[in-house]
Structures are given as structure tokens and as C-alpha cells.
Amino acid sequence: MKAERAGTKRDGRWLALYVLAYLVFLYLPVLLIPLFSFNDSIQAAFPLQGFTLQWYETLYGNPALSGALLNSLVIGVIAASGATLCGVTVSYMDLYGRSPLATTISAIARLPILIPGVIVGISLLILVNLIGLGPSRVAIVLGHILVALPTTVVIMRSRFAAIPKTIREAALDLGATDWTTFRRVMLPLSLPAVLSAFMLAFLISFDEFIVVFFLAGTEPTLPLYIWSQLRFPRSLPTVMALGTVILAVSFIIAGTAEILRHRGLGAARRNPA
């Protein structure tokens, strides 16, 4: 018994060490970006030359940056709205539609997360050229809806599944139609998850690069702008400053979305009926 306990503790230590090494390998390069964004040098190297805010000051009054940021915000809001709407519809029909077609559509909606981004980008480029859209903002929105849809479907499906079925059955027994039950009962109960899905879909759209690389026309998004600036060594500190701002905003949005999602799930568990 003692030998088994000692072996379990030893395995636990190795597992903890592995997790720690994995986290360091994953997040240490990310943490270096904010560090070098305050460095008074155009080179990202040690030792640091001094503390400065000049790279953040260069972000203001940059028309190319402002245009790319506006494009990303507009595309992100539209794509997140479309992906959330589709995610709510697909996940609800998957759980309550009782149709093989609904189940198939739900599986297809989650499929893009398994397909490499390059393949998705090339396929969408061929499609938009065939239908006459070509690389444009509309094409980017459609591509971002496709990329963000799996996330919204997974979030909304888990939320609808957490709502007791007796609530929906009671509404139907009282004479409510399926549409009324969805609009007046199920949707309000799942509102935190809807907001969470929208926020995560917006982040996915805002940070997406591969699909935009194939579908962008004359109006680049923020990831494309950052990529274009990496060709100029003197722009690297400004890019790191911009990356730091994006990281901070992304963490805030992702954290808020996760809090909303858990709050909704927690409320469903506390109030099962």
C-alpha cells in the first residue's frame, strides 16, 4: 500500500512537472512580446536597453493601422453575429429537432475546426471566384462565419443541453408553439451562452489570418497589416506594442466570455426546474 502511494505521488510530481514545462513552452514566447514592447531598441534581444513608451505612441495617428483596425472590427461584429445566429439555430435543432438532417447539419457545422486553415482558405477563394464575389470584405465575412461556427455550435449545444427538458415540455403542454417556446423560454435562459459565443466568435474573426490572406481584397484587416509590417525591421517594436494591446484585449474578452458561459451553466444546475 505504501509503495503504491509513493508511486502515485511520484507520478503526480512528474505530471505536474510536465504541465509546468508545457505551459512555459507555450506562453513564455507570448510573454516576451509585452516585455520587448517596452524596450528602447528596435531589436528584440537581451539585454534590454531601457524602458520606453514610444512604440505605443506610434500607434496613434497611423491611418493604415486605423483603417485595418476598423475593417477588423466591422468584419468581426458581422461575422460573430452571423456565426452566433447559425450556432444557436443549428444546436437547438440538433437537440430538439429529432431529425437525422438536423444531426447531420450539426456535425457538418463542427467539421471546419478539423480542416487545415490553408485548405479552407483555398476552397473559399475558389468558391467566391466562381460565384462572382472575388476577394472582398463580403468574402472575408463569409469565411469568418465558417471558421467561427464550430465554436458557437459547441457552446450553444452544451448550454441548451444543460437546460432541463421539463421546462420546454411544460411550455409545450401549456399550449405554446415551438417558436414561442424557443423565443420566450429557451433563448432567454441561454442568453449568457449566446453572449459568450458571440464574444469568442468575434475573437476568432478578429485574429484570423489564413482565411483573410486568401480572401482579402484592397481592404486589409489588422492581422494582414501586422504581417505586412514584419517585413520592415524598424517596425518590429511597433508591431510588438500592437500585439501587446491585442493580447490584453483578447484576454479580457475571452475571460468575460468564459465567466458568462460558466455563470449560465451554474444557474441551470442551481435551478433545474
C-alpha atoms as a PDB file:
ATOM      1  CA  MET A   1       0.000   0.000   0.000  1.00  0.00           C
ATOM      2  CA  LYS A   2       2.783   2.417   0.934  1.00  0.00           C
ATOM      3  CA  ALA A   3       4.626   1.560  -2.270  1.00  0.00           C
ATOM      4  CA  GLU A   4       1.501   2.282  -4.301  1.00  0.00           C
ATOM      5  CA  ARG A   5       1.034   5.644  -2.565  1.00  0.00           C
ATOM      6  CA  ALA A   6       4.675   6.540  -3.141  1.00  0.00           C
ATOM      7  CA  GLY A   7       4.323   5.603  -6.811  1.00  0.00           C
ATOM      8  CA  THR A   8       1.173   7.702  -7.135  1.00  0.00           C
ATOM      9  CA  LYS A   9       2.878  10.735  -5.565  1.00  0.00           C
ATOM     10  CA  ARG A  10       5.891  10.293  -7.843  1.00  0.00           C
ATOM     11  CA  ASP A  11       3.651  10.073 -10.897  1.00  0.00           C
ATOM     12  CA  GLY A  12       1.806  13.179  -9.718  1.00  0.00           C
ATOM     13  CA  ARG A  13       5.068  15.104  -9.452  1.00  0.00           C
ATOM     14  CA  TRP A  14       6.103  14.067 -12.953  1.00  0.00           C
ATOM     15  CA  LEU A  15       2.708  15.081 -14.290  1.00  0.00           C
ATOM     16  CA  ALA A  16       2.928  18.470 -12.560  1.00  0.00           C
ATOM     17  CA  LEU A  17       6.433  18.965 -13.958  1.00  0.00           C
ATOM     18  CA  TYR A  18       5.221  18.074 -17.450  1.00  0.00           C
ATOM     19  CA  VAL A  19       2.300  20.513 -17.220  1.00  0.00           C
ATOM     20  CA  LEU A  20       4.631  23.267 -15.962  1.00  0.00           C
ATOM     21  CA  ALA A  21       7.114  22.665 -18.790  1.00  0.00           C
ATOM     22  CA  TYR A  22       4.283  22.677 -21.310  1.00  0.00           C
ATOM     23  CA  LEU A  23       2.894  25.978 -20.006  1.00  0.00           C
ATOM     24  CA  VAL A  24       6.350  27.581 -20.070  1.00  0.00           C
ATOM     25  CA  PHE A  25       6.961  26.381 -23.630  1.00  0.00           C
ATOM     26  CA  LEU A  26       3.514  27.619 -24.723  1.00  0.00           C
ATOM     27  CA  TYR A  27       3.283  31.005 -23.002  1.00  0.00           C
ATOM     28  CA  LEU A  28       6.852  32.199 -22.494  1.00  0.00           C
ATOM     29  CA  PRO A  29       7.206  33.384 -26.127  1.00  0.00           C
ATOM     30  CA  VAL A  30       3.885  35.226 -25.751  1.00  0.00           C
ATOM     31  CA  LEU A  31       5.066  36.939 -22.572  1.00  0.00           C
ATOM     32  CA  LEU A  32       8.217  38.125 -24.335  1.00  0.00           C
ATOM     33  CA  ILE A  33       6.134  40.313 -26.655  1.00  0.00           C
ATOM     34  CA  PRO A  34       4.956  42.722 -23.898  1.00  0.00           C
ATOM     35  CA  LEU A  35       8.462  42.698 -22.424  1.00  0.00           C
ATOM     36  CA  PHE A  36      10.181  43.803 -25.639  1.00  0.00           C
ATOM     37  CA  SER A  37       7.380  46.268 -26.464  1.00  0.00           C
ATOM     38  CA  PHE A  38       8.739  48.482 -23.653  1.00  0.00           C
ATOM     39  CA  ASN A  39      12.372  48.043 -24.689  1.00  0.00           C
ATOM     40  CA  ASP A  40      14.158  51.132 -26.005  1.00  0.00           C
ATOM     41  CA  SER A  41      15.615  49.324 -29.001  1.00  0.00           C
ATOM     42  CA  ILE A  42      14.405  48.151 -32.390  1.00  0.00           C
ATOM     43  CA  GLN A  43      15.969  44.734 -31.773  1.00  0.00           C
ATOM     44  CA  ALA A  44      14.176  42.083 -29.704  1.00  0.00           C
ATOM     45  CA  ALA A  45      17.226  40.884 -27.805  1.00  0.00           C
ATOM     46  CA  PHE A  46      18.737  40.820 -24.350  1.00  0.00           C
ATOM     47  CA  PRO A  47      19.981  42.772 -22.516  1.00  0.00           C
ATOM     48  CA  LEU A  48      17.188  45.340 -22.539  1.00  0.00           C
ATOM     49  CA  GLN A  49      18.271  48.866 -23.424  1.00  0.00           C
ATOM     50  CA  GLY A  50      15.791  50.759 -21.270  1.00  0.00           C
ATOM     51  CA  PHE A  51      12.126  51.482 -20.658  1.00  0.00           C
ATOM     52  CA  THR A  52      10.137  53.474 -23.205  1.00  0.00           C
ATOM     53  CA  LEU A  53       6.571  54.095 -24.344  1.00  0.00           C
ATOM     54  CA  GLN A  54       7.484  55.499 -27.746  1.00  0.00           C
ATOM     55  CA  TRP A  55       6.379  52.338 -29.602  1.00  0.00           C
ATOM     56  CA  TYR A  56       2.894  52.709 -28.170  1.00  0.00           C
ATOM     57  CA  GLU A  57       2.831  56.367 -29.134  1.00  0.00           C
ATOM     58  CA  THR A  58       3.471  55.439 -32.769  1.00  0.00           C
ATOM     59  CA  LEU A  59       0.184  53.503 -32.816  1.00  0.00           C
ATOM     60  CA  TYR A  60      -1.786  56.752 -32.745  1.00  0.00           C
ATOM     61  CA  GLY A  61      -2.267  58.797 -35.875  1.00  0.00           C
ATOM     62  CA  ASN A  62      -1.439  55.907 -38.206  1.00  0.00           C
ATOM     63  CA  PRO A  63      -4.065  55.935 -40.991  1.00  0.00           C
ATOM     64  CA  ALA A  64      -3.132  52.472 -42.329  1.00  0.00           C
ATOM     65  CA  LEU A  65      -3.430  50.969 -38.858  1.00  0.00           C
ATOM     66  CA  SER A  66      -6.708  52.767 -38.196  1.00  0.00           C
ATOM     67  CA  GLY A  67      -8.206  51.523 -41.458  1.00  0.00           C
ATOM     68  CA  ALA A  68      -7.122  47.933 -40.810  1.00  0.00           C
ATOM     69  CA  LEU A  69      -8.495  48.093 -37.267  1.00  0.00           C
ATOM     70  CA  LEU A  70     -11.836  49.448 -38.477  1.00  0.00           C
ATOM     71  CA  ASN A  71     -12.073  46.680 -41.083  1.00  0.00           C
ATOM     72  CA  SER A  72     -11.359  44.032 -38.447  1.00  0.00           C
ATOM     73  CA  LEU A  73     -13.960  45.460 -36.061  1.00  0.00           C
ATOM     74  CA  VAL A  74     -16.689  45.696 -38.709  1.00  0.00           C
ATOM     75  CA  ILE A  75     -15.954  42.242 -40.107  1.00  0.00           C
ATOM     76  CA  GLY A  76     -15.665  40.778 -36.612  1.00  0.00           C
ATOM     77  CA  VAL A  77     -19.041  42.099 -35.440  1.00  0.00           C
ATOM     78  CA  ILE A  78     -20.861  40.993 -38.605  1.00  0.00           C
ATOM     79  CA  ALA A  79     -19.178  37.573 -38.724  1.00  0.00           C
ATOM     80  CA  ALA A  80     -19.731  36.973 -34.999  1.00  0.00           C
ATOM     81  CA  SER A  81     -23.409  37.902 -35.334  1.00  0.00           C
ATOM     82  CA  GLY A  82     -23.854  35.522 -38.270  1.00  0.00           C
ATOM     83  CA  ALA A  83     -21.926  32.686 -36.631  1.00  0.00           C
ATOM     84  CA  THR A  84     -23.829  33.082 -33.351  1.00  0.00           C
ATOM     85  CA  LEU A  85     -27.188  33.118 -35.109  1.00  0.00           C
ATOM     86  CA  CYS A  86     -26.286  29.993 -37.074  1.00  0.00           C
ATOM     87  CA  GLY A  87     -24.834  28.342 -33.977  1.00  0.00           C
ATOM     88  CA  VAL A  88     -27.999  28.933 -31.952  1.00  0.00           C
ATOM     89  CA  THR A  89     -30.215  27.586 -34.738  1.00  0.00           C
ATOM     90  CA  VAL A  90     -28.092  24.537 -35.560  1.00  0.00           C
ATOM     91  CA  SER A  91     -27.513  23.479 -31.945  1.00  0.00           C
ATOM     92  CA  TYR A  92     -31.171  23.928 -30.967  1.00  0.00           C
ATOM     93  CA  MET A  93     -32.402  21.905 -33.933  1.00  0.00           C
ATOM     94  CA  ASP A  94     -29.788  19.244 -33.222  1.00  0.00           C
ATOM     95  CA  LEU A  95     -31.099  18.725 -29.688  1.00  0.00           C
ATOM     96  CA  TYR A  96     -34.819  19.249 -30.195  1.00  0.00           C
ATOM     97  CA  GLY A  97     -35.412  18.791 -33.920  1.00  0.00           C
ATOM     98  CA  ARG A  98     -35.343  14.998 -33.677  1.00  0.00           C
ATOM     99  CA  SER A  99     -34.321  14.792 -37.299  1.00  0.00           C
ATOM    100  CA  PRO A 100     -31.389  12.975 -38.925  1.00  0.00           C
ATOM    101  CA  LEU A 101     -30.966  16.031 -41.152  1.00  0.00           C
ATOM    102  CA  ALA A 102     -30.521  18.311 -38.123  1.00  0.00           C
ATOM    103  CA  THR A 103     -27.920  15.948 -36.645  1.00  0.00           C
ATOM    104  CA  THR A 104     -26.067  15.825 -39.943  1.00  0.00           C
ATOM    105  CA  ILE A 105     -26.059  19.610 -40.283  1.00  0.00           C
ATOM    106  CA  SER A 106     -24.740  19.950 -36.731  1.00  0.00           C
ATOM    107  CA  ALA A 107     -21.893  17.557 -37.486  1.00  0.00           C
ATOM    108  CA  ILE A 108     -21.044  19.381 -40.713  1.00  0.00           C
ATOM    109  CA  ALA A 109     -21.096  22.744 -38.881  1.00  0.00           C
ATOM    110  CA  ARG A 110     -18.432  21.482 -36.474  1.00  0.00           C
ATOM    111  CA  LEU A 111     -16.283  19.989 -39.223  1.00  0.00           C
ATOM    112  CA  PRO A 112     -14.277  23.132 -40.230  1.00  0.00           C
ATOM    113  CA  ILE A 113     -12.379  23.003 -36.928  1.00  0.00           C
ATOM    114  CA  LEU A 114     -10.733  19.766 -38.176  1.00  0.00           C
ATOM    115  CA  ILE A 115      -9.789  21.098 -41.624  1.00  0.00           C
ATOM    116  CA  PRO A 116      -6.429  22.905 -42.030  1.00  0.00           C
ATOM    117  CA  GLY A 117      -6.822  26.646 -42.450  1.00  0.00           C
ATOM    118  CA  VAL A 118      -4.891  26.662 -45.735  1.00  0.00           C
ATOM    119  CA  ILE A 119      -7.342  24.185 -47.250  1.00  0.00           C
ATOM    120  CA  VAL A 120     -10.284  26.248 -46.023  1.00  0.00           C
ATOM    121  CA  GLY A 121      -8.765  29.435 -47.450  1.00  0.00           C
ATOM    122  CA  ILE A 122      -8.047  27.944 -50.862  1.00  0.00           C
ATOM    123  CA  SER A 123     -11.504  26.357 -51.054  1.00  0.00           C
ATOM    124  CA  LEU A 124     -13.224  29.607 -50.153  1.00  0.00           C
ATOM    125  CA  LEU A 125     -11.137  31.532 -52.673  1.00  0.00           C
ATOM    126  CA  ILE A 126     -12.228  29.145 -55.435  1.00  0.00           C
ATOM    127  CA  LEU A 127     -15.850  29.411 -54.295  1.00  0.00           C
ATOM    128  CA  VAL A 128     -16.028  33.220 -54.142  1.00  0.00           C
ATOM    129  CA  ASN A 129     -14.401  33.444 -57.567  1.00  0.00           C
ATOM    130  CA  LEU A 130     -16.936  31.015 -59.010  1.00  0.00           C
ATOM    131  CA  ILE A 131     -19.940  32.926 -57.636  1.00  0.00           C
ATOM    132  CA  GLY A 132     -18.527  36.287 -58.704  1.00  0.00           C
ATOM    133  CA  LEU A 133     -17.706  37.834 -55.332  1.00  0.00           C
ATOM    134  CA  GLY A 134     -13.948  37.594 -55.604  1.00  0.00           C
ATOM    135  CA  PRO A 135     -11.643  38.636 -52.765  1.00  0.00           C
ATOM    136  CA  SER A 136     -13.615  41.242 -50.846  1.00  0.00           C
ATOM    137  CA  ARG A 137     -14.966  42.184 -47.434  1.00  0.00           C
ATOM    138  CA  VAL A 138     -18.104  40.121 -48.046  1.00  0.00           C
ATOM    139  CA  ALA A 139     -15.960  37.084 -48.837  1.00  0.00           C
ATOM    140  CA  ILE A 140     -13.994  37.588 -45.620  1.00  0.00           C
ATOM    141  CA  VAL A 141     -17.213  37.772 -43.580  1.00  0.00           C
ATOM    142  CA  LEU A 142     -18.472  34.528 -45.107  1.00  0.00           C
ATOM    143  CA  GLY A 143     -15.130  32.852 -44.438  1.00  0.00           C
ATOM    144  CA  HIS A 144     -15.048  34.036 -40.836  1.00  0.00           C
ATOM    145  CA  ILE A 145     -18.591  32.788 -40.231  1.00  0.00           C
ATOM    146  CA  LEU A 146     -17.454  29.360 -41.433  1.00  0.00           C
ATOM    147  CA  VAL A 147     -14.370  29.393 -39.196  1.00  0.00           C
ATOM    148  CA  ALA A 148     -16.208  30.637 -36.080  1.00  0.00           C
ATOM    149  CA  LEU A 149     -19.288  28.434 -36.500  1.00  0.00           C
ATOM    150  CA  PRO A 150     -17.873  25.313 -34.761  1.00  0.00           C
ATOM    151  CA  THR A 151     -17.174  27.311 -31.602  1.00  0.00           C
ATOM    152  CA  THR A 152     -20.669  28.776 -31.420  1.00  0.00           C
ATOM    153  CA  VAL A 153     -22.281  25.393 -32.083  1.00  0.00           C
ATOM    154  CA  VAL A 154     -20.294  23.699 -29.309  1.00  0.00           C
ATOM    155  CA  ILE A 155     -21.060  26.461 -26.786  1.00  0.00           C
ATOM    156  CA  MET A 156     -24.763  26.686 -27.578  1.00  0.00           C
ATOM    157  CA  ARG A 157     -25.260  22.939 -27.742  1.00  0.00           C
ATOM    158  CA  SER A 158     -23.788  22.483 -24.263  1.00  0.00           C
ATOM    159  CA  ARG A 159     -25.978  25.325 -22.957  1.00  0.00           C
ATOM    160  CA  PHE A 160     -29.205  24.001 -24.437  1.00  0.00           C
ATOM    161  CA  ALA A 161     -28.324  20.511 -23.174  1.00  0.00           C
ATOM    162  CA  ALA A 162     -27.899  21.903 -19.636  1.00  0.00           C
ATOM    163  CA  ILE A 163     -31.446  23.321 -19.587  1.00  0.00           C
ATOM    164  CA  PRO A 164     -33.822  20.705 -18.118  1.00  0.00           C
ATOM    165  CA  LYS A 165     -36.088  19.255 -20.793  1.00  0.00           C
ATOM    166  CA  THR A 166     -39.025  19.550 -18.402  1.00  0.00           C
ATOM    167  CA  ILE A 167     -39.003  23.338 -18.887  1.00  0.00           C
ATOM    168  CA  ARG A 168     -39.556  23.031 -22.624  1.00  0.00           C
ATOM    169  CA  GLU A 169     -42.087  20.240 -22.160  1.00  0.00           C
ATOM    170  CA  ALA A 170     -44.056  22.331 -19.656  1.00  0.00           C
ATOM    171  CA  ALA A 171     -44.222  25.250 -22.100  1.00  0.00           C
ATOM    172  CA  LEU A 172     -45.453  22.975 -24.874  1.00  0.00           C
ATOM    173  CA  ASP A 173     -48.045  21.392 -22.556  1.00  0.00           C
ATOM    174  CA  LEU A 174     -49.377  24.857 -21.727  1.00  0.00           C
ATOM    175  CA  GLY A 175     -50.114  25.475 -25.406  1.00  0.00           C
ATOM    176  CA  ALA A 176     -47.007  27.323 -26.569  1.00  0.00           C
ATOM    177  CA  THR A 177     -45.778  26.640 -30.080  1.00  0.00           C
ATOM    178  CA  ASP A 178     -42.215  25.537 -30.808  1.00  0.00           C
ATOM    179  CA  TRP A 179     -41.293  29.054 -31.952  1.00  0.00           C
ATOM    180  CA  THR A 180     -42.859  30.669 -28.858  1.00  0.00           C
ATOM    181  CA  THR A 181     -41.108  28.179 -26.581  1.00  0.00           C
ATOM    182  CA  PHE A 182     -37.784  28.928 -28.215  1.00  0.00           C
ATOM    183  CA  ARG A 183     -38.261  32.706 -28.210  1.00  0.00           C
ATOM    184  CA  ARG A 184     -39.866  33.162 -24.780  1.00  0.00           C
ATOM    185  CA  VAL A 185     -38.301  30.337 -22.769  1.00  0.00           C
ATOM    186  CA  MET A 186     -35.187  28.685 -24.198  1.00  0.00           C
ATOM    187  CA  LEU A 187     -33.478  31.734 -25.666  1.00  0.00           C
ATOM    188  CA  PRO A 188     -33.721  33.909 -22.503  1.00  0.00           C
ATOM    189  CA  LEU A 189     -32.400  31.024 -20.405  1.00  0.00           C
ATOM    190  CA  SER A 190     -29.433  30.633 -22.739  1.00  0.00           C
ATOM    191  CA  LEU A 191     -28.643  34.342 -23.111  1.00  0.00           C
ATOM    192  CA  PRO A 192     -25.302  34.190 -21.186  1.00  0.00           C
ATOM    193  CA  ALA A 193     -24.119  31.455 -23.544  1.00  0.00           C
ATOM    194  CA  VAL A 194     -25.267  33.478 -26.561  1.00  0.00           C
ATOM    195  CA  LEU A 195     -23.168  36.424 -25.394  1.00  0.00           C
ATOM    196  CA  SER A 196     -20.232  34.110 -24.687  1.00  0.00           C
ATOM    197  CA  ALA A 197     -20.495  32.535 -28.138  1.00  0.00           C
ATOM    198  CA  PHE A 198     -20.664  35.972 -29.774  1.00  0.00           C
ATOM    199  CA  MET A 199     -17.577  37.217 -27.938  1.00  0.00           C
ATOM    200  CA  LEU A 200     -15.499  34.139 -28.757  1.00  0.00           C
ATOM    201  CA  ALA A 201     -16.651  34.221 -32.381  1.00  0.00           C
ATOM    202  CA  PHE A 202     -15.611  37.877 -32.544  1.00  0.00           C
ATOM    203  CA  LEU A 203     -12.155  36.991 -31.203  1.00  0.00           C
ATOM    204  CA  ILE A 204     -11.771  34.205 -33.753  1.00  0.00           C
ATOM    205  CA  SER A 205     -12.738  36.564 -36.563  1.00  0.00           C
ATOM    206  CA  PHE A 206     -10.583  39.407 -35.265  1.00  0.00           C
ATOM    207  CA  ASP A 207      -7.460  37.216 -35.027  1.00  0.00           C
ATOM    208  CA  GLU A 208      -7.977  35.133 -38.169  1.00  0.00           C
ATOM    209  CA  PHE A 209      -5.123  35.428 -40.659  1.00  0.00           C
ATOM    210  CA  ILE A 210      -5.042  32.438 -43.021  1.00  0.00           C
ATOM    211  CA  VAL A 211      -8.562  32.844 -44.416  1.00  0.00           C
ATOM    212  CA  VAL A 212      -8.104  36.617 -44.732  1.00  0.00           C
ATOM    213  CA  PHE A 213      -4.821  36.093 -46.554  1.00  0.00           C
ATOM    214  CA  PHE A 214      -6.691  34.324 -49.361  1.00  0.00           C
ATOM    215  CA  LEU A 215      -9.888  36.388 -49.356  1.00  0.00           C
ATOM    216  CA  ALA A 216      -8.727  39.953 -48.674  1.00  0.00           C
ATOM    217  CA  GLY A 217      -9.113  42.462 -51.453  1.00  0.00           C
ATOM    218  CA  THR A 218      -7.959  46.054 -51.230  1.00  0.00           C
ATOM    219  CA  GLU A 219      -9.032  46.443 -47.591  1.00  0.00           C
ATOM    220  CA  PRO A 220      -6.667  44.510 -45.284  1.00  0.00           C
ATOM    221  CA  THR A 221      -7.616  43.534 -41.752  1.00  0.00           C
ATOM    222  CA  LEU A 222      -5.437  44.015 -38.696  1.00  0.00           C
ATOM    223  CA  PRO A 223      -3.672  40.609 -38.908  1.00  0.00           C
ATOM    224  CA  LEU A 224      -2.764  41.335 -42.540  1.00  0.00           C
ATOM    225  CA  TYR A 225      -1.468  44.766 -41.576  1.00  0.00           C
ATOM    226  CA  ILE A 226       0.730  43.218 -38.868  1.00  0.00           C
ATOM    227  CA  TRP A 227       2.064  40.638 -41.313  1.00  0.00           C
ATOM    228  CA  SER A 228       2.920  43.335 -43.850  1.00  0.00           C
ATOM    229  CA  GLN A 229       4.839  45.324 -41.234  1.00  0.00           C
ATOM    230  CA  LEU A 230       7.021  42.361 -40.267  1.00  0.00           C
ATOM    231  CA  ARG A 231       8.966  42.848 -43.497  1.00  0.00           C
ATOM    232  CA  PHE A 232      10.454  46.060 -42.081  1.00  0.00           C
ATOM    233  CA  PRO A 233      12.842  45.535 -39.132  1.00  0.00           C
ATOM    234  CA  ARG A 234      12.287  49.058 -37.794  1.00  0.00           C
ATOM    235  CA  SER A 235       8.550  48.346 -37.473  1.00  0.00           C
ATOM    236  CA  LEU A 236       9.062  45.330 -35.203  1.00  0.00           C
ATOM    237  CA  PRO A 237       8.816  47.252 -31.888  1.00  0.00           C
ATOM    238  CA  THR A 238       5.584  48.917 -33.052  1.00  0.00           C
ATOM    239  CA  VAL A 239       4.204  45.513 -34.034  1.00  0.00           C
ATOM    240  CA  MET A 240       5.062  44.159 -30.583  1.00  0.00           C
ATOM    241  CA  ALA A 241       3.336  47.116 -28.944  1.00  0.00           C
ATOM    242  CA  LEU A 242       0.269  46.498 -31.084  1.00  0.00           C
ATOM    243  CA  GLY A 243       0.454  42.786 -30.266  1.00  0.00           C
ATOM    244  CA  THR A 244       0.540  43.586 -26.553  1.00  0.00           C
ATOM    245  CA  VAL A 245      -2.633  45.664 -26.824  1.00  0.00           C
ATOM    246  CA  ILE A 246      -4.340  42.889 -28.803  1.00  0.00           C
ATOM    247  CA  LEU A 247      -3.260  40.285 -26.234  1.00  0.00           C
ATOM    248  CA  ALA A 248      -4.636  42.339 -23.345  1.00  0.00           C
ATOM    249  CA  VAL A 249      -7.974  42.969 -25.053  1.00  0.00           C
ATOM    250  CA  SER A 250      -8.222  39.320 -26.147  1.00  0.00           C
ATOM    251  CA  PHE A 251      -7.626  38.052 -22.617  1.00  0.00           C
ATOM    252  CA  ILE A 252     -10.300  40.396 -21.267  1.00  0.00           C
ATOM    253  CA  ILE A 253     -12.871  39.360 -23.870  1.00  0.00           C
ATOM    254  CA  ALA A 254     -12.070  35.645 -23.559  1.00  0.00           C
ATOM    255  CA  GLY A 255     -12.191  35.829 -19.754  1.00  0.00           C
ATOM    256  CA  THR A 256     -15.517  37.641 -19.810  1.00  0.00           C
ATOM    257  CA  ALA A 257     -16.931  35.096 -22.266  1.00  0.00           C
ATOM    258  CA  GLU A 258     -15.824  32.209 -20.045  1.00  0.00           C
ATOM    259  CA  ILE A 259     -17.354  33.842 -16.959  1.00  0.00           C
ATOM    260  CA  LEU A 260     -20.648  34.315 -18.788  1.00  0.00           C
ATOM    261  CA  ARG A 261     -20.627  30.717 -20.006  1.00  0.00           C
ATOM    262  CA  HIS A 262     -19.963  29.278 -16.549  1.00  0.00           C
ATOM    263  CA  ARG A 263     -22.497  31.605 -14.970  1.00  0.00           C
ATOM    264  CA  GLY A 264     -25.165  30.355 -17.334  1.00  0.00           C
ATOM    265  CA  LEU A 265     -24.271  26.709 -16.716  1.00  0.00           C
ATOM    266  CA  GLY A 266     -24.146  27.286 -12.964  1.00  0.00           C
ATOM    267  CA  ALA A 267     -27.587  28.894 -12.965  1.00  0.00           C
ATOM    268  CA  ALA A 268     -29.012  25.926 -14.861  1.00  0.00           C
ATOM    269  CA  ARG A 269     -27.582  23.487 -12.306  1.00  0.00           C
ATOM    270  CA  ARG A 270     -28.864  25.508  -9.320  1.00  0.00           C
ATOM    271  CA  ASN A 271     -32.325  25.883 -10.786  1.00  0.00           C
ATOM    272  CA  PRO A 272     -33.073  22.586 -12.532  1.00  0.00           C
ATOM    273  CA  ALA A 273     -36.823  23.147 -12.692  1.00  0.00           C
END
